[in-house]
């Protein structure tokens, strides 16, 4: 019985160790005044002073419907922009999914990945302003 559990325990240990090495990326609204049509976000990697390392940004509805996606051309290999504006493709990136206008009353998920991972949920209020959402 104990020998049958060994492969499971080894796999669990490997998963824990590899995920623990992945640095977190912090994603937040750039300011309390962000609003439609092009809100800005700030991406930070607290473990690095040089800037966040990421090569993919996806914005989607909570049901997974994509509304915008960009990725680095080739391998980013360095820092991505710390400030990102919805719908504006930064230098060194290309659009995978063209930006769809964000809608009031909807909640969106922003996922950033590369060397690390991070994300944020935001809700577009009726007046067009954005707030963080759980």
N, C-alpha and C. Protein backbone atom coordinates (compact mmCIF):
# COMPACT_ATOMS: atom_id res chain seq x y z
N UNK A 1 0.82 -1.19 0.00
CA UNK A 1 0.00 0.00 0.00
C UNK A 1 0.87 1.27 0.00
N UNK A 2 1.91 1.29 0.85
CA UNK A 2 2.78 2.46 0.94
C UNK A 2 3.57 2.66 -0.35
N UNK A 3 3.95 1.56 -1.02
CA UNK A 3 4.70 1.68 -2.27
C UNK A 3 3.84 2.28 -3.38
N UNK A 4 2.54 2.05 -3.34
CA UNK A 4 1.67 2.62 -4.37
C UNK A 4 1.52 4.12 -4.19
N UNK A 5 1.68 4.60 -2.99
CA UNK A 5 1.56 6.04 -2.72
C UNK A 5 2.84 6.81 -3.06
N UNK A 6 3.95 6.12 -3.14
CA UNK A 6 5.23 6.76 -3.37
C UNK A 6 5.26 7.60 -4.65
N UNK A 7 4.82 7.08 -5.82
CA UNK A 7 4.83 7.92 -7.02
C UNK A 7 3.96 9.18 -6.87
N UNK A 8 2.84 9.04 -6.20
CA UNK A 8 1.97 10.19 -5.97
C UNK A 8 2.67 11.23 -5.09
N UNK A 9 3.32 10.78 -4.03
CA UNK A 9 4.03 11.70 -3.14
C UNK A 9 5.20 12.38 -3.84
N UNK A 10 5.91 11.66 -4.67
CA UNK A 10 7.02 12.25 -5.44
C UNK A 10 6.48 13.30 -6.40
N UNK A 11 5.40 13.00 -7.10
CA UNK A 11 4.80 13.97 -8.03
C UNK A 11 4.32 15.21 -7.29
N UNK A 12 3.74 15.02 -6.13
CA UNK A 12 3.27 16.14 -5.32
C UNK A 12 4.44 17.02 -4.88
N UNK A 13 5.52 16.40 -4.46
CA UNK A 13 6.71 17.14 -4.04
C UNK A 13 7.32 17.93 -5.19
N UNK A 14 7.43 17.31 -6.36
CA UNK A 14 7.97 18.00 -7.54
C UNK A 14 7.10 19.19 -7.91
N UNK A 15 5.79 19.01 -7.89
CA UNK A 15 4.87 20.11 -8.22
C UNK A 15 5.02 21.25 -7.21
N UNK A 16 5.14 20.92 -5.95
CA UNK A 16 5.29 21.96 -4.93
C UNK A 16 6.60 22.72 -5.10
N UNK A 17 7.67 22.02 -5.39
CA UNK A 17 8.97 22.68 -5.54
C UNK A 17 9.04 23.53 -6.79
N UNK A 18 8.50 23.06 -7.90
CA UNK A 18 8.58 23.85 -9.14
C UNK A 18 7.65 25.05 -9.09
N UNK A 19 6.49 24.94 -8.47
CA UNK A 19 5.61 26.10 -8.40
C UNK A 19 6.12 27.11 -7.40
N UNK A 20 6.85 26.67 -6.40
CA UNK A 20 7.39 27.60 -5.41
C UNK A 20 8.49 28.46 -5.99
N UNK A 21 9.12 28.04 -7.07
CA UNK A 21 10.21 28.79 -7.70
C UNK A 21 9.70 29.88 -8.63
N UNK A 22 8.45 29.86 -8.97
CA UNK A 22 7.90 30.82 -9.91
C UNK A 22 7.64 32.15 -9.20
N UNK A 23 8.30 33.24 -9.64
CA UNK A 23 8.11 34.52 -8.97
C UNK A 23 6.72 35.09 -9.25
N UNK A 24 6.13 35.72 -8.26
CA UNK A 24 4.81 36.31 -8.49
C UNK A 24 4.91 37.63 -9.26
N UNK A 25 3.92 37.88 -10.07
CA UNK A 25 3.76 39.16 -10.73
C UNK A 25 2.54 39.83 -10.10
N UNK A 26 2.67 41.09 -9.73
CA UNK A 26 1.56 41.82 -9.15
C UNK A 26 0.95 42.72 -10.22
N UNK A 27 -0.35 42.60 -10.40
CA UNK A 27 -1.07 43.40 -11.40
C UNK A 27 -2.08 44.25 -10.65
N UNK A 28 -2.10 45.54 -10.96
CA UNK A 28 -3.06 46.43 -10.32
C UNK A 28 -3.46 47.54 -11.28
N UNK A 29 -4.55 48.22 -10.97
CA UNK A 29 -4.93 49.39 -11.76
C UNK A 29 -3.85 50.45 -11.58
N UNK A 30 -3.54 51.19 -12.63
CA UNK A 30 -2.49 52.20 -12.56
C UNK A 30 -2.85 53.35 -11.62
N UNK A 31 -4.14 53.64 -11.49
CA UNK A 31 -4.58 54.70 -10.59
C UNK A 31 -6.03 54.44 -10.21
N UNK A 32 -6.52 55.19 -9.25
CA UNK A 32 -7.93 55.07 -8.83
C UNK A 32 -8.86 55.73 -9.85
N UNK A 33 -8.31 56.44 -10.82
CA UNK A 33 -9.13 57.14 -11.82
C UNK A 33 -9.23 56.40 -13.15
N UNK A 34 -8.80 55.15 -13.22
CA UNK A 34 -8.84 54.42 -14.49
C UNK A 34 -10.28 54.24 -14.94
N UNK A 35 -10.50 54.44 -16.26
CA UNK A 35 -11.86 54.34 -16.81
C UNK A 35 -11.81 53.96 -18.28
N UNK A 36 -12.99 53.69 -18.83
CA UNK A 36 -13.10 53.37 -20.24
C UNK A 36 -12.71 54.59 -21.06
N UNK A 37 -12.22 54.44 -22.27
CA UNK A 37 -12.12 53.19 -23.03
C UNK A 37 -10.79 52.45 -22.85
N UNK A 38 -9.78 53.10 -22.28
CA UNK A 38 -8.44 52.50 -22.25
C UNK A 38 -7.80 52.61 -20.86
N UNK A 39 -8.25 51.80 -19.92
CA UNK A 39 -7.64 51.84 -18.59
C UNK A 39 -6.20 51.33 -18.63
N UNK A 40 -5.42 51.79 -17.68
CA UNK A 40 -4.02 51.37 -17.59
C UNK A 40 -3.82 50.49 -16.36
N UNK A 41 -2.85 49.58 -16.48
CA UNK A 41 -2.50 48.66 -15.41
C UNK A 41 -1.01 48.74 -15.16
N UNK A 42 -0.61 48.44 -13.94
CA UNK A 42 0.79 48.38 -13.58
C UNK A 42 1.12 46.94 -13.24
N UNK A 43 2.24 46.46 -13.78
CA UNK A 43 2.69 45.10 -13.55
C UNK A 43 4.05 45.19 -12.85
N UNK A 44 4.16 44.53 -11.70
CA UNK A 44 5.40 44.56 -10.94
C UNK A 44 5.83 43.13 -10.62
N UNK A 45 7.12 42.94 -10.56
CA UNK A 45 7.71 41.69 -10.08
C UNK A 45 8.56 42.09 -8.88
N UNK A 46 8.02 41.97 -7.68
CA UNK A 46 8.70 42.49 -6.48
C UNK A 46 10.12 41.97 -6.29
N UNK A 47 10.43 40.82 -6.81
CA UNK A 47 11.77 40.26 -6.61
C UNK A 47 12.81 40.86 -7.55
N UNK A 48 12.39 41.76 -8.46
CA UNK A 48 13.32 42.35 -9.44
C UNK A 48 13.17 43.86 -9.48
N UNK A 49 14.29 44.55 -9.49
CA UNK A 49 14.27 46.01 -9.65
C UNK A 49 14.20 46.39 -11.12
N UNK A 50 14.65 45.49 -12.02
CA UNK A 50 14.76 45.80 -13.45
C UNK A 50 13.41 45.88 -14.15
N UNK A 51 12.38 45.36 -13.58
CA UNK A 51 11.07 45.35 -14.21
C UNK A 51 10.53 43.94 -14.33
N UNK A 52 9.24 43.83 -14.59
CA UNK A 52 8.61 42.51 -14.63
C UNK A 52 8.98 41.72 -15.88
N UNK A 53 9.14 40.42 -15.71
CA UNK A 53 9.40 39.53 -16.85
C UNK A 53 8.11 38.80 -17.19
N UNK A 54 7.56 39.14 -18.33
CA UNK A 54 6.36 38.44 -18.81
C UNK A 54 6.35 38.50 -20.32
N UNK A 55 5.63 37.55 -20.93
CA UNK A 55 5.55 37.55 -22.38
C UNK A 55 4.14 37.31 -22.90
N UNK A 56 3.16 37.25 -22.00
CA UNK A 56 1.78 37.02 -22.42
C UNK A 56 0.83 37.76 -21.49
N UNK A 57 -0.12 38.47 -22.09
CA UNK A 57 -1.18 39.14 -21.34
C UNK A 57 -2.49 38.74 -21.99
N UNK A 58 -3.42 38.26 -21.16
CA UNK A 58 -4.75 37.90 -21.64
C UNK A 58 -5.79 38.61 -20.79
N UNK A 59 -6.75 39.22 -21.46
CA UNK A 59 -7.89 39.82 -20.78
C UNK A 59 -9.12 39.08 -21.26
N UNK A 60 -9.94 38.65 -20.33
CA UNK A 60 -11.12 37.87 -20.69
C UNK A 60 -12.26 38.16 -19.72
N UNK A 61 -13.46 37.78 -20.16
CA UNK A 61 -14.60 37.79 -19.24
C UNK A 61 -14.38 36.65 -18.25
N UNK A 62 -15.10 36.66 -17.16
CA UNK A 62 -14.91 35.61 -16.16
C UNK A 62 -15.29 34.23 -16.68
N UNK A 63 -16.12 34.15 -17.72
CA UNK A 63 -16.45 32.84 -18.30
C UNK A 63 -15.38 32.34 -19.26
N UNK A 64 -14.29 33.12 -19.40
CA UNK A 64 -13.18 32.70 -20.27
C UNK A 64 -13.20 33.29 -21.66
N UNK A 65 -14.26 34.01 -22.03
CA UNK A 65 -14.33 34.62 -23.36
C UNK A 65 -13.22 35.67 -23.49
N UNK A 66 -12.31 35.49 -24.45
CA UNK A 66 -11.21 36.46 -24.59
C UNK A 66 -11.68 37.79 -25.15
N UNK A 67 -11.10 38.88 -24.63
CA UNK A 67 -11.42 40.21 -25.17
C UNK A 67 -10.16 40.93 -25.65
N UNK A 68 -8.98 40.46 -25.25
CA UNK A 68 -7.73 41.03 -25.75
C UNK A 68 -6.58 40.13 -25.33
N UNK A 69 -5.62 39.92 -26.20
CA UNK A 69 -4.44 39.13 -25.85
C UNK A 69 -3.25 39.63 -26.66
N UNK A 70 -2.11 39.72 -25.98
CA UNK A 70 -0.86 40.10 -26.63
C UNK A 70 0.23 39.15 -26.14
N UNK A 71 1.26 38.98 -26.97
CA UNK A 71 2.43 38.21 -26.52
C UNK A 71 3.68 38.83 -27.12
N UNK A 72 4.80 38.54 -26.45
CA UNK A 72 6.09 39.08 -26.90
C UNK A 72 6.47 38.44 -28.22
N UNK A 73 7.05 39.24 -29.10
CA UNK A 73 7.60 38.70 -30.35
C UNK A 73 8.85 37.91 -29.99
N UNK A 74 8.91 36.68 -30.44
CA UNK A 74 10.07 35.85 -30.09
C UNK A 74 10.09 35.62 -28.60
N UNK A 75 11.26 35.62 -28.04
CA UNK A 75 11.42 35.46 -26.60
C UNK A 75 11.74 36.81 -26.01
N UNK A 76 10.95 37.23 -25.05
CA UNK A 76 11.16 38.55 -24.46
C UNK A 76 12.55 38.63 -23.84
N UNK A 77 12.92 37.67 -23.06
CA UNK A 77 14.26 37.59 -22.51
C UNK A 77 14.64 38.70 -21.56
N UNK A 78 13.78 39.65 -21.36
CA UNK A 78 14.08 40.75 -20.46
C UNK A 78 12.81 41.25 -19.82
N UNK A 79 12.83 42.50 -19.48
CA UNK A 79 11.69 43.08 -18.80
C UNK A 79 10.62 43.54 -19.79
N UNK A 80 9.37 43.28 -19.43
CA UNK A 80 8.24 43.81 -20.19
C UNK A 80 7.90 45.18 -19.63
N UNK A 81 7.01 45.91 -20.28
CA UNK A 81 6.65 47.23 -19.76
C UNK A 81 5.94 47.11 -18.42
N UNK A 82 6.28 48.01 -17.51
CA UNK A 82 5.66 48.00 -16.19
C UNK A 82 4.26 48.61 -16.25
N UNK A 83 3.99 49.43 -17.26
CA UNK A 83 2.67 50.06 -17.42
C UNK A 83 2.08 49.58 -18.74
N UNK A 84 0.85 49.12 -18.68
CA UNK A 84 0.18 48.57 -19.86
C UNK A 84 -1.19 49.22 -19.99
N UNK A 85 -1.51 49.71 -21.19
CA UNK A 85 -2.81 50.34 -21.44
C UNK A 85 -3.64 49.38 -22.27
N UNK A 86 -4.89 49.15 -21.83
CA UNK A 86 -5.77 48.22 -22.54
C UNK A 86 -5.92 48.64 -24.00
N UNK A 87 -5.67 47.69 -24.90
CA UNK A 87 -5.82 47.92 -26.33
C UNK A 87 -4.61 48.51 -27.02
N UNK A 88 -3.58 48.90 -26.27
CA UNK A 88 -2.37 49.48 -26.85
C UNK A 88 -1.27 48.44 -26.78
N UNK A 89 -0.75 48.05 -27.94
CA UNK A 89 0.27 47.01 -28.00
C UNK A 89 1.64 47.65 -27.76
N UNK A 90 2.33 47.24 -26.68
CA UNK A 90 3.64 47.84 -26.39
C UNK A 90 4.71 47.36 -27.36
N UNK A 91 5.81 48.11 -27.44
CA UNK A 91 6.94 47.72 -28.28
C UNK A 91 7.41 46.32 -27.88
N UNK A 92 7.75 45.51 -28.89
CA UNK A 92 8.23 44.16 -28.65
C UNK A 92 7.13 43.13 -28.50
N UNK A 93 5.88 43.55 -28.57
CA UNK A 93 4.73 42.65 -28.44
C UNK A 93 3.90 42.69 -29.72
N UNK A 94 3.07 41.68 -29.88
CA UNK A 94 2.11 41.66 -30.99
C UNK A 94 0.77 41.20 -30.47
N UNK A 95 -0.27 41.64 -31.16
CA UNK A 95 -1.63 41.32 -30.75
C UNK A 95 -2.03 39.94 -31.26
N UNK A 96 -2.53 39.11 -30.38
CA UNK A 96 -3.02 37.79 -30.73
C UNK A 96 -4.53 37.84 -30.89
N UNK A 97 -5.19 38.58 -30.02
CA UNK A 97 -6.64 38.78 -30.04
C UNK A 97 -6.88 40.28 -30.01
N UNK A 98 -7.44 40.86 -31.08
CA UNK A 98 -7.69 42.30 -31.06
C UNK A 98 -8.59 42.70 -29.89
N UNK A 99 -8.35 43.88 -29.36
CA UNK A 99 -9.11 44.37 -28.21
C UNK A 99 -10.56 44.63 -28.58
N UNK A 100 -11.45 44.11 -27.76
CA UNK A 100 -12.88 44.34 -27.86
C UNK A 100 -13.21 45.41 -26.82
N UNK A 101 -14.07 46.39 -27.14
CA UNK A 101 -14.38 47.41 -26.12
C UNK A 101 -14.92 46.78 -24.84
N UNK A 102 -14.40 47.26 -23.72
CA UNK A 102 -14.88 46.79 -22.42
C UNK A 102 -16.27 47.37 -22.19
N UNK A 103 -17.12 46.63 -21.49
CA UNK A 103 -18.51 47.03 -21.29
C UNK A 103 -18.80 47.32 -19.82
N UNK A 104 -19.64 48.31 -19.59
CA UNK A 104 -20.04 48.62 -18.21
C UNK A 104 -20.84 47.45 -17.64
N UNK A 105 -20.70 47.28 -16.34
CA UNK A 105 -21.42 46.21 -15.65
C UNK A 105 -20.77 44.84 -15.76
N UNK A 106 -19.64 44.73 -16.45
CA UNK A 106 -18.98 43.43 -16.63
C UNK A 106 -17.72 43.36 -15.77
N UNK A 107 -17.35 42.13 -15.44
CA UNK A 107 -16.12 41.88 -14.69
C UNK A 107 -15.15 41.14 -15.60
N UNK A 108 -13.91 41.57 -15.58
CA UNK A 108 -12.88 41.02 -16.46
C UNK A 108 -11.72 40.48 -15.65
N UNK A 109 -11.04 39.51 -16.23
CA UNK A 109 -9.85 38.91 -15.64
C UNK A 109 -8.65 39.30 -16.49
N UNK A 110 -7.62 39.82 -15.84
CA UNK A 110 -6.37 40.14 -16.52
C UNK A 110 -5.34 39.13 -16.02
N UNK A 111 -4.76 38.36 -16.93
CA UNK A 111 -3.77 37.35 -16.58
C UNK A 111 -2.46 37.68 -17.28
N UNK A 112 -1.38 37.72 -16.52
CA UNK A 112 -0.05 38.03 -17.04
C UNK A 112 0.85 36.85 -16.70
N UNK A 113 1.60 36.36 -17.71
CA UNK A 113 2.48 35.23 -17.43
C UNK A 113 3.76 35.32 -18.24
N UNK A 114 4.75 34.61 -17.76
CA UNK A 114 6.07 34.56 -18.37
C UNK A 114 6.98 33.86 -17.39
N UNK A 115 8.01 34.58 -16.90
CA UNK A 115 8.86 34.02 -15.85
C UNK A 115 8.05 33.78 -14.58
N UNK A 116 7.04 34.57 -14.38
CA UNK A 116 6.14 34.44 -13.25
C UNK A 116 4.71 34.57 -13.72
N UNK A 117 3.80 34.60 -12.78
CA UNK A 117 2.38 34.73 -13.12
C UNK A 117 1.72 35.70 -12.16
N UNK A 118 0.69 36.35 -12.65
CA UNK A 118 -0.10 37.23 -11.80
C UNK A 118 -1.40 37.57 -12.50
N UNK A 119 -2.29 38.19 -11.76
CA UNK A 119 -3.57 38.53 -12.36
C UNK A 119 -4.37 39.46 -11.50
N UNK A 120 -5.49 39.87 -12.06
CA UNK A 120 -6.36 40.82 -11.40
C UNK A 120 -7.75 40.69 -12.01
N UNK A 121 -8.77 40.85 -11.18
CA UNK A 121 -10.14 40.96 -11.67
C UNK A 121 -10.57 42.41 -11.48
N UNK A 122 -11.17 42.97 -12.53
CA UNK A 122 -11.68 44.34 -12.45
C UNK A 122 -13.12 44.37 -12.92
N UNK A 123 -13.88 45.27 -12.33
CA UNK A 123 -15.28 45.46 -12.71
C UNK A 123 -15.42 46.86 -13.29
N UNK A 124 -16.14 46.94 -14.42
CA UNK A 124 -16.41 48.23 -15.04
C UNK A 124 -17.74 48.73 -14.48
N UNK A 125 -17.69 49.84 -13.77
CA UNK A 125 -18.88 50.42 -13.15
C UNK A 125 -19.75 51.10 -14.21
N UNK A 126 -20.96 51.43 -13.84
CA UNK A 126 -21.91 52.04 -14.79
C UNK A 126 -21.41 53.37 -15.34
N UNK A 127 -20.57 54.09 -14.55
CA UNK A 127 -20.04 55.37 -15.02
C UNK A 127 -18.77 55.20 -15.86
N UNK A 128 -18.36 53.94 -16.09
CA UNK A 128 -17.18 53.66 -16.90
C UNK A 128 -15.89 53.54 -16.12
N UNK A 129 -15.93 53.82 -14.82
CA UNK A 129 -14.73 53.68 -14.01
C UNK A 129 -14.50 52.20 -13.69
N UNK A 130 -13.25 51.88 -13.37
CA UNK A 130 -12.90 50.50 -13.03
C UNK A 130 -12.55 50.38 -11.56
N UNK A 131 -12.95 49.26 -10.97
CA UNK A 131 -12.60 48.95 -9.60
C UNK A 131 -12.11 47.51 -9.56
N UNK A 132 -11.28 47.18 -8.58
CA UNK A 132 -10.86 45.80 -8.44
C UNK A 132 -12.03 44.99 -7.93
N UNK A 133 -12.05 43.73 -8.34
CA UNK A 133 -13.15 42.83 -7.97
C UNK A 133 -12.54 41.56 -7.37
N UNK A 134 -13.27 40.89 -6.50
CA UNK A 134 -12.75 39.65 -5.91
C UNK A 134 -12.67 38.53 -6.94
